[in-house]
Amino acid sequence: MRCALPVTKTWLRQLTPGLSLICHWYRGVVEVMRHLLGVRISEGTVHNVHQAAARQAGAINRGIDLPPMRVGLHGDILQGSRHVLAGGHSRSTYGDLLAAAEHRDAGT
């Protein structure tokens, strides 16, 4: 069974941030789009799409009224080989902390 997927500019703008999570770098997004979709996109365009998405997310986040944080959920994660401290608001699950750290110990 063959399916046709309409590839529009809007769809590509929505796909770009998702591909970045899979590919981990702008060049990977460029290559996936070129090889799999036959679409040429520059690393600069990928960057601009990310910046626009970040601005839009910031506007949405600023418009949400969060209750005072009584319980925070904190821990650490690895991003590649880097340690990242992570925290979140227990009722809403909004993140309140992402910070690079040298170590993953109690003092950090």
PDB file of N, CA and C in Angstrom:
ATOM      1  N   MET A   1       0.841  -1.180   0.000  1.00  0.00           N
ATOM      2  CA  MET A   1       0.000   0.000   0.000  1.00  0.00           C
ATOM      3  C   MET A   1       0.883   1.239   0.000  1.00  0.00           C
ATOM      4  N   ARG A   2       0.636   2.144  -0.895  1.00  0.00           N
ATOM      5  CA  ARG A   2       1.391   3.399  -0.964  1.00  0.00           C
ATOM      6  C   ARG A   2       0.575   4.510  -0.353  1.00  0.00           C
ATOM      7  N   CYS A   3       1.263   5.354   0.383  1.00  0.00           N
ATOM      8  CA  CYS A   3       0.630   6.529   0.977  1.00  0.00           C
ATOM      9  C   CYS A   3       1.374   7.764   0.505  1.00  0.00           C
ATOM     10  N   ALA A   4       0.663   8.834   0.356  1.00  0.00           N
ATOM     11  CA  ALA A   4       1.279  10.102  -0.010  1.00  0.00           C
ATOM     12  C   ALA A   4       1.197  11.038   1.191  1.00  0.00           C
ATOM     13  N   LEU A   5       2.298  11.646   1.508  1.00  0.00           N
ATOM     14  CA  LEU A   5       2.363  12.587   2.615  1.00  0.00           C
ATOM     15  C   LEU A   5       2.584  13.978   2.048  1.00  0.00           C
ATOM     16  N   PRO A   6       1.633  14.893   2.247  1.00  0.00           N
ATOM     17  CA  PRO A   6       1.839  16.246   1.721  1.00  0.00           C
ATOM     18  C   PRO A   6       2.918  16.972   2.540  1.00  0.00           C
ATOM     19  N   VAL A   7       3.979  17.345   1.880  1.00  0.00           N
ATOM     20  CA  VAL A   7       5.083  18.037   2.542  1.00  0.00           C
ATOM     21  C   VAL A   7       4.937  19.530   2.265  1.00  0.00           C
ATOM     22  N   THR A   8       4.499  20.249   3.283  1.00  0.00           N
ATOM     23  CA  THR A   8       4.303  21.695   3.163  1.00  0.00           C
ATOM     24  C   THR A   8       5.360  22.407   4.004  1.00  0.00           C
ATOM     25  N   LYS A   9       5.497  23.708   3.799  1.00  0.00           N
ATOM     26  CA  LYS A   9       6.440  24.482   4.612  1.00  0.00           C
ATOM     27  C   LYS A   9       6.069  24.432   6.091  1.00  0.00           C
ATOM     28  N   THR A  10       4.778  24.495   6.378  1.00  0.00           N
ATOM     29  CA  THR A  10       4.323  24.431   7.772  1.00  0.00           C
ATOM     30  C   THR A  10       4.700  23.096   8.387  1.00  0.00           C
ATOM     31  N   TRP A  11       4.491  22.013   7.677  1.00  0.00           N
ATOM     32  CA  TRP A  11       4.828  20.686   8.175  1.00  0.00           C
ATOM     33  C   TRP A  11       6.328  20.565   8.411  1.00  0.00           C
ATOM     34  N   LEU A  12       7.126  21.094   7.482  1.00  0.00           N
ATOM     35  CA  LEU A  12       8.583  21.044   7.640  1.00  0.00           C
ATOM     36  C   LEU A  12       9.041  21.850   8.851  1.00  0.00           C
ATOM     37  N   ARG A  13       8.404  23.008   9.100  1.00  0.00           N
ATOM     38  CA  ARG A  13       8.756  23.805  10.285  1.00  0.00           C
ATOM     39  C   ARG A  13       8.418  23.046  11.562  1.00  0.00           C
ATOM     40  N   GLN A  14       7.359  22.265  11.548  1.00  0.00           N
ATOM     41  CA  GLN A  14       6.984  21.474  12.713  1.00  0.00           C
ATOM     42  C   GLN A  14       7.889  20.250  12.871  1.00  0.00           C
ATOM     43  N   LEU A  15       8.338  19.694  11.767  1.00  0.00           N
ATOM     44  CA  LEU A  15       9.200  18.522  11.791  1.00  0.00           C
ATOM     45  C   LEU A  15      10.614  18.844  12.276  1.00  0.00           C
ATOM     46  N   THR A  16      11.109  20.025  11.951  1.00  0.00           N
ATOM     47  CA  THR A  16      12.502  20.387  12.227  1.00  0.00           C
ATOM     48  C   THR A  16      12.902  20.235  13.696  1.00  0.00           C
ATOM     49  N   PRO A  17      12.174  20.793  14.666  1.00  0.00           N
ATOM     50  CA  PRO A  17      12.587  20.592  16.059  1.00  0.00           C
ATOM     51  C   PRO A  17      12.558  19.121  16.482  1.00  0.00           C
ATOM     52  N   GLY A  18      11.584  18.367  15.984  1.00  0.00           N
ATOM     53  CA  GLY A  18      11.529  16.945  16.311  1.00  0.00           C
ATOM     54  C   GLY A  18      12.723  16.188  15.758  1.00  0.00           C
ATOM     55  N   LEU A  19      13.110  16.491  14.524  1.00  0.00           N
ATOM     56  CA  LEU A  19      14.290  15.851  13.946  1.00  0.00           C
ATOM     57  C   LEU A  19      15.546  16.204  14.729  1.00  0.00           C
ATOM     58  N   SER A  20      15.599  17.411  15.253  1.00  0.00           N
ATOM     59  CA  SER A  20      16.772  17.815  16.030  1.00  0.00           C
ATOM     60  C   SER A  20      16.931  16.960  17.279  1.00  0.00           C
ATOM     61  N   LEU A  21      15.820  16.542  17.875  1.00  0.00           N
ATOM     62  CA  LEU A  21      15.891  15.679  19.050  1.00  0.00           C
ATOM     63  C   LEU A  21      16.417  14.303  18.675  1.00  0.00           C
ATOM     64  N   ILE A  22      16.123  13.862  17.475  1.00  0.00           N
ATOM     65  CA  ILE A  22      16.590  12.552  17.012  1.00  0.00           C
ATOM     66  C   ILE A  22      18.027  12.641  16.501  1.00  0.00           C
ATOM     67  N   CYS A  23      18.311  13.663  15.702  1.00  0.00           N
ATOM     68  CA  CYS A  23      19.613  13.785  15.044  1.00  0.00           C
ATOM     69  C   CYS A  23      20.685  14.403  15.930  1.00  0.00           C
ATOM     70  N   HIS A  24      20.287  15.167  16.942  1.00  0.00           N
ATOM     71  CA  HIS A  24      21.182  15.786  17.927  1.00  0.00           C
ATOM     72  C   HIS A  24      22.039  16.932  17.399  1.00  0.00           C
ATOM     73  N   TRP A  25      21.941  17.277  16.140  1.00  0.00           N
ATOM     74  CA  TRP A  25      22.706  18.407  15.614  1.00  0.00           C
ATOM     75  C   TRP A  25      22.061  18.897  14.331  1.00  0.00           C
ATOM     76  N   TYR A  26      22.281  20.160  14.023  1.00  0.00           N
ATOM     77  CA  TYR A  26      21.630  20.782  12.867  1.00  0.00           C
ATOM     78  C   TYR A  26      21.989  20.073  11.561  1.00  0.00           C
ATOM     79  N   ARG A  27      23.243  19.675  11.416  1.00  0.00           N
ATOM     80  CA  ARG A  27      23.681  19.035  10.166  1.00  0.00           C
ATOM     81  C   ARG A  27      22.910  17.739   9.926  1.00  0.00           C
ATOM     82  N   GLY A  28      22.592  17.024  10.993  1.00  0.00           N
ATOM     83  CA  GLY A  28      21.810  15.805  10.865  1.00  0.00           C
ATOM     84  C   GLY A  28      20.422  16.077  10.314  1.00  0.00           C
ATOM     85  N   VAL A  29      19.809  17.162  10.761  1.00  0.00           N
ATOM     86  CA  VAL A  29      18.481  17.559  10.255  1.00  0.00           C
ATOM     87  C   VAL A  29      18.581  17.857   8.763  1.00  0.00           C
ATOM     88  N   VAL A  30      19.612  18.595   8.373  1.00  0.00           N
ATOM     89  CA  VAL A  30      19.827  18.940   6.964  1.00  0.00           C
ATOM     90  C   VAL A  30      19.944  17.666   6.128  1.00  0.00           C
ATOM     91  N   GLU A  31      20.722  16.693   6.610  1.00  0.00           N
ATOM     92  CA  GLU A  31      20.945  15.454   5.866  1.00  0.00           C
ATOM     93  C   GLU A  31      19.687  14.603   5.773  1.00  0.00           C
ATOM     94  N   VAL A  32      18.936  14.474   6.866  1.00  0.00           N
ATOM     95  CA  VAL A  32      17.702  13.682   6.842  1.00  0.00           C
ATOM     96  C   VAL A  32      16.712  14.295   5.861  1.00  0.00           C
ATOM     97  N   MET A  33      16.560  15.598   5.906  1.00  0.00           N
ATOM     98  CA  MET A  33      15.610  16.246   4.999  1.00  0.00           C
ATOM     99  C   MET A  33      16.030  16.078   3.542  1.00  0.00           C
ATOM    100  N   ARG A  34      17.320  16.173   3.298  1.00  0.00           N
ATOM    101  CA  ARG A  34      17.800  16.056   1.912  1.00  0.00           C
ATOM    102  C   ARG A  34      17.647  14.623   1.399  1.00  0.00           C
ATOM    103  N   HIS A  35      18.088  13.645   2.185  1.00  0.00           N
ATOM    104  CA  HIS A  35      18.099  12.266   1.719  1.00  0.00           C
ATOM    105  C   HIS A  35      16.725  11.598   1.749  1.00  0.00           C
ATOM    106  N   LEU A  36      15.943  11.854   2.778  1.00  0.00           N
ATOM    107  CA  LEU A  36      14.662  11.169   2.908  1.00  0.00           C
ATOM    108  C   LEU A  36      13.492  11.918   2.279  1.00  0.00           C
ATOM    109  N   LEU A  37      13.552  13.249   2.313  1.00  0.00           N
ATOM    110  CA  LEU A  37      12.426  14.029   1.809  1.00  0.00           C
ATOM    111  C   LEU A  37      12.726  14.774   0.518  1.00  0.00           C
ATOM    112  N   GLY A  38      13.998  14.820   0.129  1.00  0.00           N
ATOM    113  CA  GLY A  38      14.365  15.556  -1.076  1.00  0.00           C
ATOM    114  C   GLY A  38      14.230  17.060  -0.911  1.00  0.00           C
ATOM    115  N   VAL A  39      14.342  17.534   0.337  1.00  0.00           N
ATOM    116  CA  VAL A  39      14.175  18.956   0.649  1.00  0.00           C
ATOM    117  C   VAL A  39      15.526  19.532   1.042  1.00  0.00           C
ATOM    118  N   ARG A  40      15.876  20.642   0.449  1.00  0.00           N
ATOM    119  CA  ARG A  40      17.128  21.319   0.816  1.00  0.00           C
ATOM    120  C   ARG A  40      16.823  22.385   1.855  1.00  0.00           C
ATOM    121  N   ILE A  41      17.572  22.333   2.961  1.00  0.00           N
ATOM    122  CA  ILE A  41      17.426  23.296   4.051  1.00  0.00           C
ATOM    123  C   ILE A  41      18.825  23.563   4.594  1.00  0.00           C
ATOM    124  N   SER A  42      19.088  24.777   4.994  1.00  0.00           N
ATOM    125  CA  SER A  42      20.409  25.115   5.513  1.00  0.00           C
ATOM    126  C   SER A  42      20.432  24.982   7.039  1.00  0.00           C
ATOM    127  N   GLU A  43      21.627  24.869   7.580  1.00  0.00           N
ATOM    128  CA  GLU A  43      21.776  24.833   9.040  1.00  0.00           C
ATOM    129  C   GLU A  43      21.275  26.136   9.657  1.00  0.00           C
ATOM    130  N   GLY A  44      21.446  27.243   8.952  1.00  0.00           N
ATOM    131  CA  GLY A  44      20.947  28.531   9.437  1.00  0.00           C
ATOM    132  C   GLY A  44      19.432  28.547   9.540  1.00  0.00           C
ATOM    133  N   THR A  45      18.768  27.932   8.573  1.00  0.00           N
ATOM    134  CA  THR A  45      17.309  27.862   8.625  1.00  0.00           C
ATOM    135  C   THR A  45      16.864  26.993   9.795  1.00  0.00           C
ATOM    136  N   VAL A  46      17.553  25.874  10.015  1.00  0.00           N
ATOM    137  CA  VAL A  46      17.230  25.021  11.168  1.00  0.00           C
ATOM    138  C   VAL A  46      17.371  25.825  12.454  1.00  0.00           C
ATOM    139  N   HIS A  47      18.445  26.589  12.564  1.00  0.00           N
ATOM    140  CA  HIS A  47      18.667  27.440  13.739  1.00  0.00           C
ATOM    141  C   HIS A  47      17.528  28.451  13.891  1.00  0.00           C
ATOM    142  N   ASN A  48      17.147  29.103  12.802  1.00  0.00           N
ATOM    143  CA  ASN A  48      16.076  30.099  12.860  1.00  0.00           C
ATOM    144  C   ASN A  48      14.748  29.482  13.276  1.00  0.00           C
ATOM    145  N   VAL A  49      14.460  28.269  12.800  1.00  0.00           N
ATOM    146  CA  VAL A  49      13.236  27.572  13.197  1.00  0.00           C
ATOM    147  C   VAL A  49      13.265  27.304  14.704  1.00  0.00           C
ATOM    148  N   HIS A  50      14.421  26.903  15.221  1.00  0.00           N
ATOM    149  CA  HIS A  50      14.559  26.659  16.661  1.00  0.00           C
ATOM    150  C   HIS A  50      14.351  27.941  17.460  1.00  0.00           C
ATOM    151  N   GLN A  51      14.915  29.034  16.997  1.00  0.00           N
ATOM    152  CA  GLN A  51      14.769  30.299  17.703  1.00  0.00           C
ATOM    153  C   GLN A  51      13.306  30.740  17.726  1.00  0.00           C
ATOM    154  N   ALA A  52      12.615  30.582  16.610  1.00  0.00           N
ATOM    155  CA  ALA A  52      11.200  30.953  16.551  1.00  0.00           C
ATOM    156  C   ALA A  52      10.372  30.072  17.486  1.00  0.00           C
ATOM    157  N   ALA A  53      10.684  28.769  17.529  1.00  0.00           N
ATOM    158  CA  ALA A  53       9.965  27.855  18.423  1.00  0.00           C
ATOM    159  C   ALA A  53      10.226  28.222  19.884  1.00  0.00           C
ATOM    160  N   ALA A  54      11.464  28.601  20.204  1.00  0.00           N
ATOM    161  CA  ALA A  54      11.797  28.995  21.577  1.00  0.00           C
ATOM    162  C   ALA A  54      11.046  30.266  21.981  1.00  0.00           C
ATOM    163  N   ARG A  55      10.945  31.226  21.063  1.00  0.00           N
ATOM    164  CA  ARG A  55      10.186  32.450  21.361  1.00  0.00           C
ATOM    165  C   ARG A  55       8.714  32.123  21.596  1.00  0.00           C
ATOM    166  N   GLN A  56       8.167  31.267  20.761  1.00  0.00           N
ATOM    167  CA  GLN A  56       6.758  30.886  20.903  1.00  0.00           C
ATOM    168  C   GLN A  56       6.535  30.141  22.217  1.00  0.00           C
ATOM    169  N   ALA A  57       7.422  29.227  22.559  1.00  0.00           N
ATOM    170  CA  ALA A  57       7.296  28.486  23.821  1.00  0.00           C
ATOM    171  C   ALA A  57       7.423  29.431  25.012  1.00  0.00           C
ATOM    172  N   GLY A  58       8.337  30.402  24.923  1.00  0.00           N
ATOM    173  CA  GLY A  58       8.493  31.377  26.003  1.00  0.00           C
ATOM    174  C   GLY A  58       7.228  32.177  26.229  1.00  0.00           C
ATOM    175  N   ALA A  59       6.596  32.598  25.146  1.00  0.00           N
ATOM    176  CA  ALA A  59       5.347  33.363  25.266  1.00  0.00           C
ATOM    177  C   ALA A  59       4.255  32.510  25.905  1.00  0.00           C
ATOM    178  N   ILE A  60       4.175  31.258  25.511  1.00  0.00           N
ATOM    179  CA  ILE A  60       3.180  30.353  26.102  1.00  0.00           C
ATOM    180  C   ILE A  60       3.470  30.144  27.584  1.00  0.00           C
ATOM    181  N   ASN A  61       4.717  29.886  27.913  1.00  0.00           N
ATOM    182  CA  ASN A  61       5.090  29.637  29.313  1.00  0.00           C
ATOM    183  C   ASN A  61       4.828  30.852  30.202  1.00  0.00           C
ATOM    184  N   ARG A  62       5.106  32.046  29.684  1.00  0.00           N
ATOM    185  CA  ARG A  62       4.867  33.249  30.489  1.00  0.00           C
ATOM    186  C   ARG A  62       3.383  33.472  30.754  1.00  0.00           C
ATOM    187  N   GLY A  63       2.525  32.934  29.919  1.00  0.00           N
ATOM    188  CA  GLY A  63       1.089  33.110  30.075  1.00  0.00           C
ATOM    189  C   GLY A  63       0.437  32.098  31.006  1.00  0.00           C
ATOM    190  N   ILE A  64       1.214  31.174  31.550  1.00  0.00           N
ATOM    191  CA  ILE A  64       0.649  30.142  32.422  1.00  0.00           C
ATOM    192  C   ILE A  64       0.900  30.523  33.877  1.00  0.00           C
ATOM    193  N   ASP A  65      -0.173  30.537  34.646  1.00  0.00           N
ATOM    194  CA  ASP A  65      -0.086  30.879  36.063  1.00  0.00           C
ATOM    195  C   ASP A  65       0.144  29.607  36.867  1.00  0.00           C
ATOM    196  N   LEU A  66       1.357  29.437  37.343  1.00  0.00           N
ATOM    197  CA  LEU A  66       1.677  28.252  38.131  1.00  0.00           C
ATOM    198  C   LEU A  66       1.406  28.506  39.610  1.00  0.00           C
ATOM    199  N   PRO A  67       0.871  27.512  40.299  1.00  0.00           N
ATOM    200  CA  PRO A  67       0.695  27.668  41.745  1.00  0.00           C
ATOM    201  C   PRO A  67       2.057  27.683  42.419  1.00  0.00           C
ATOM    202  N   PRO A  68       2.133  28.211  43.652  1.00  0.00           N
ATOM    203  CA  PRO A  68       3.419  28.207  44.353  1.00  0.00           C
ATOM    204  C   PRO A  68       3.962  26.780  44.456  1.00  0.00           C
ATOM    205  N   MET A  69       5.267  26.663  44.344  1.00  0.00           N
ATOM    206  CA  MET A  69       5.884  25.347  44.402  1.00  0.00           C
ATOM    207  C   MET A  69       6.099  24.931  45.848  1.00  0.00           C
ATOM    208  N   ARG A  70       5.402  23.901  46.250  1.00  0.00           N
ATOM    209  CA  ARG A  70       5.579  23.350  47.589  1.00  0.00           C
ATOM    210  C   ARG A  70       6.470  22.112  47.547  1.00  0.00           C
ATOM    211  N   VAL A  71       6.385  21.373  46.452  1.00  0.00           N
ATOM    212  CA  VAL A  71       7.183  20.157  46.294  1.00  0.00           C
ATOM    213  C   VAL A  71       7.884  20.234  44.943  1.00  0.00           C
ATOM    214  N   GLY A  72       9.196  20.158  44.981  1.00  0.00           N
ATOM    215  CA  GLY A  72       9.973  20.141  43.755  1.00  0.00           C
ATOM    216  C   GLY A  72      10.589  18.772  43.550  1.00  0.00           C
ATOM    217  N   LEU A  73      10.666  18.370  42.318  1.00  0.00           N
ATOM    218  CA  LEU A  73      11.284  17.089  41.969  1.00  0.00           C
ATOM    219  C   LEU A  73      12.623  17.393  41.311  1.00  0.00           C
ATOM    220  N   HIS A  74      13.698  16.964  41.932  1.00  0.00           N
ATOM    221  CA  HIS A  74      15.022  17.300  41.426  1.00  0.00           C
ATOM    222  C   HIS A  74      15.887  16.053  41.295  1.00  0.00           C
ATOM    223  N   GLY A  75      16.743  16.086  40.311  1.00  0.00           N
ATOM    224  CA  GLY A  75      17.658  14.977  40.076  1.00  0.00           C
ATOM    225  C   GLY A  75      18.677  15.389  39.044  1.00  0.00           C
ATOM    226  N   ASP A  76      19.295  14.414  38.428  1.00  0.00           N
ATOM    227  CA  ASP A  76      20.281  14.730  37.416  1.00  0.00           C
ATOM    228  C   ASP A  76      20.095  13.787  36.241  1.00  0.00           C
ATOM    229  N   ILE A  77      20.510  14.260  35.080  1.00  0.00           N
ATOM    230  CA  ILE A  77      20.436  13.476  33.858  1.00  0.00           C
ATOM    231  C   ILE A  77      21.768  13.620  33.128  1.00  0.00           C
ATOM    232  N   LEU A  78      21.974  12.799  32.145  1.00  0.00           N
ATOM    233  CA  LEU A  78      23.158  12.921  31.298  1.00  0.00           C
ATOM    234  C   LEU A  78      22.718  13.365  29.915  1.00  0.00           C
ATOM    235  N   GLN A  79      23.379  14.371  29.379  1.00  0.00           N
ATOM    236  CA  GLN A  79      23.190  14.805  28.006  1.00  0.00           C
ATOM    237  C   GLN A  79      24.507  14.522  27.303  1.00  0.00           C
ATOM    238  N   GLY A  80      24.556  13.417  26.592  1.00  0.00           N
ATOM    239  CA  GLY A  80      25.833  12.978  26.052  1.00  0.00           C
ATOM    240  C   GLY A  80      26.715  12.583  27.223  1.00  0.00           C
ATOM    241  N   SER A  81      27.859  13.200  27.350  1.00  0.00           N
ATOM    242  CA  SER A  81      28.746  12.923  28.482  1.00  0.00           C
ATOM    243  C   SER A  81      28.676  14.024  29.543  1.00  0.00           C
ATOM    244  N   ARG A  82      27.772  14.986  29.355  1.00  0.00           N
ATOM    245  CA  ARG A  82      27.656  16.100  30.302  1.00  0.00           C
ATOM    246  C   ARG A  82      26.590  15.828  31.353  1.00  0.00           C
ATOM    247  N   HIS A  83      26.881  16.222  32.576  1.00  0.00           N
ATOM    248  CA  HIS A  83      25.925  16.110  33.671  1.00  0.00           C
ATOM    249  C   HIS A  83      25.018  17.338  33.665  1.00  0.00           C
ATOM    250  N   VAL A  84      23.723  17.123  33.822  1.00  0.00           N
ATOM    251  CA  VAL A  84      22.759  18.214  33.845  1.00  0.00           C
ATOM    252  C   VAL A  84      21.854  18.040  35.053  1.00  0.00           C
ATOM    253  N   LEU A  85      21.779  19.092  35.874  1.00  0.00           N
ATOM    254  CA  LEU A  85      20.844  19.079  36.993  1.00  0.00           C
ATOM    255  C   LEU A  85      19.464  19.414  36.448  1.00  0.00           C
ATOM    256  N   ALA A  86      18.457  18.671  36.890  1.00  0.00           N
ATOM    257  CA  ALA A  86      17.101  18.870  36.375  1.00  0.00           C
ATOM    258  C   ALA A  86      16.129  18.959  37.541  1.00  0.00           C
ATOM    259  N   GLY A  87      15.126  19.810  37.381  1.00  0.00           N
ATOM    260  CA  GLY A  87      14.117  19.942  38.422  1.00  0.00           C
ATOM    261  C   GLY A  87      12.772  20.255  37.817  1.00  0.00           C
ATOM    262  N   GLY A  88      11.737  19.924  38.560  1.00  0.00           N
ATOM    263  CA  GLY A  88      10.407  20.168  38.046  1.00  0.00           C
ATOM    264  C   GLY A  88       9.410  20.454  39.149  1.00  0.00           C
ATOM    265  N   HIS A  89       8.321  21.069  38.761  1.00  0.00           N
ATOM    266  CA  HIS A  89       7.215  21.417  39.633  1.00  0.00           C
ATOM    267  C   HIS A  89       6.316  20.184  39.730  1.00  0.00           C
ATOM    268  N   SER A  90       6.087  19.659  40.929  1.00  0.00           N
ATOM    269  CA  SER A  90       5.414  18.370  41.082  1.00  0.00           C
ATOM    270  C   SER A  90       3.958  18.373  40.611  1.00  0.00           C
ATOM    271  N   ARG A  91       3.231  19.480  40.781  1.00  0.00           N
ATOM    272  CA  ARG A  91       1.819  19.494  40.390  1.00  0.00           C
ATOM    273  C   ARG A  91       1.623  19.683  38.892  1.00  0.00           C
ATOM    274  N   SER A  92       2.421  20.536  38.282  1.00  0.00           N
ATOM    275  CA  SER A  92       2.202  20.846  36.868  1.00  0.00           C
ATOM    276  C   SER A  92       3.152  20.083  35.949  1.00  0.00           C
ATOM    277  N   THR A  93       4.229  19.543  36.494  1.00  0.00           N
ATOM    278  CA  THR A  93       5.330  18.887  35.762  1.00  0.00           C
ATOM    279  C   THR A  93       6.121  19.858  34.887  1.00  0.00           C
ATOM    280  N   TYR A  94       5.954  21.160  35.088  1.00  0.00           N
ATOM    281  CA  TYR A  94       6.794  22.127  34.383  1.00  0.00           C
ATOM    282  C   TYR A  94       8.207  22.058  34.929  1.00  0.00           C
ATOM    283  N   GLY A  95       9.180  22.173  34.042  1.00  0.00           N
ATOM    284  CA  GLY A  95      10.573  22.175  34.465  1.00  0.00           C
ATOM    285  C   GLY A  95      10.951  23.526  35.030  1.00  0.00           C
ATOM    286  N   ASP A  96      11.712  23.504  36.127  1.00  0.00           N
ATOM    287  CA  ASP A  96      12.168  24.760  36.710  1.00  0.00           C
ATOM    288  C   ASP A  96      13.690  24.850  36.752  1.00  0.00           C
ATOM    289  N   LEU A  97      14.372  23.804  36.310  1.00  0.00           N
ATOM    290  CA  LEU A  97      15.825  23.819  36.378  1.00  0.00           C
ATOM    291  C   LEU A  97      16.414  22.907  35.317  1.00  0.00           C
ATOM    292  N   LEU A  98      17.315  23.425  34.551  1.00  0.00           N
ATOM    293  CA  LEU A  98      18.216  22.653  33.696  1.00  0.00           C
ATOM    294  C   LEU A  98      19.531  23.399  33.729  1.00  0.00           C
ATOM    295  N   ALA A  99      20.529  22.805  34.352  1.00  0.00           N
ATOM    296  CA  ALA A  99      21.808  23.489  34.484  1.00  0.00           C
ATOM    297  C   ALA A  99      22.942  22.487  34.344  1.00  0.00           C
ATOM    298  N   ALA A 100      23.930  22.834  33.538  1.00  0.00           N
ATOM    299  CA  ALA A 100      25.099  21.975  33.388  1.00  0.00           C
ATOM    300  C   ALA A 100      25.856  21.932  34.711  1.00  0.00           C
ATOM    301  N   ALA A 101      26.422  20.777  35.021  1.00  0.00           N
ATOM    302  CA  ALA A 101      27.162  20.605  36.264  1.00  0.00           C
ATOM    303  C   ALA A 101      28.428  19.803  35.990  1.00  0.00           C
ATOM    304  N   GLU A 102      29.442  20.050  36.791  1.00  0.00           N
ATOM    305  CA  GLU A 102      30.704  19.321  36.655  1.00  0.00           C
ATOM    306  C   GLU A 102      30.606  17.901  37.206  1.00  0.00           C
ATOM    307  N   HIS A 103      29.818  17.734  38.269  1.00  0.00           N
ATOM    308  CA  HIS A 103      29.734  16.444  38.952  1.00  0.00           C
ATOM    309  C   HIS A 103      28.288  16.081  39.237  1.00  0.00           C
ATOM    310  N   ARG A 104      28.069  14.815  39.592  1.00  0.00           N
ATOM    311  CA  ARG A 104      26.744  14.340  39.968  1.00  0.00           C
ATOM    312  C   ARG A 104      26.781  13.883  41.427  1.00  0.00           C
ATOM    313  N   ASP A 105      27.180  14.750  42.307  1.00  0.00           N
ATOM    314  CA  ASP A 105      27.252  14.365  43.714  1.00  0.00           C
ATOM    315  C   ASP A 105      26.326  15.235  44.552  1.00  0.00           C
ATOM    316  N   ALA A 106      26.186  14.907  45.834  1.00  0.00           N
ATOM    317  CA  ALA A 106      25.275  15.626  46.727  1.00  0.00           C
ATOM    318  C   ALA A 106      25.639  17.102  46.839  1.00  0.00           C
ATOM    319  N   GLY A 107      26.913  17.423  46.802  1.00  0.00           N
ATOM    320  CA  GLY A 107      27.341  18.814  46.913  1.00  0.00           C
ATOM    321  C   GLY A 107      26.914  19.662  45.724  1.00  0.00           C
ATOM    322  N   THR A 108      26.833  19.057  44.561  1.00  0.00           N
ATOM    323  CA  THR A 108      26.410  19.776  43.369  1.00  0.00           C
ATOM    324  C   THR A 108      24.933  20.071  43.439  1.00  0.00           C
TER     325      THR A 108
END
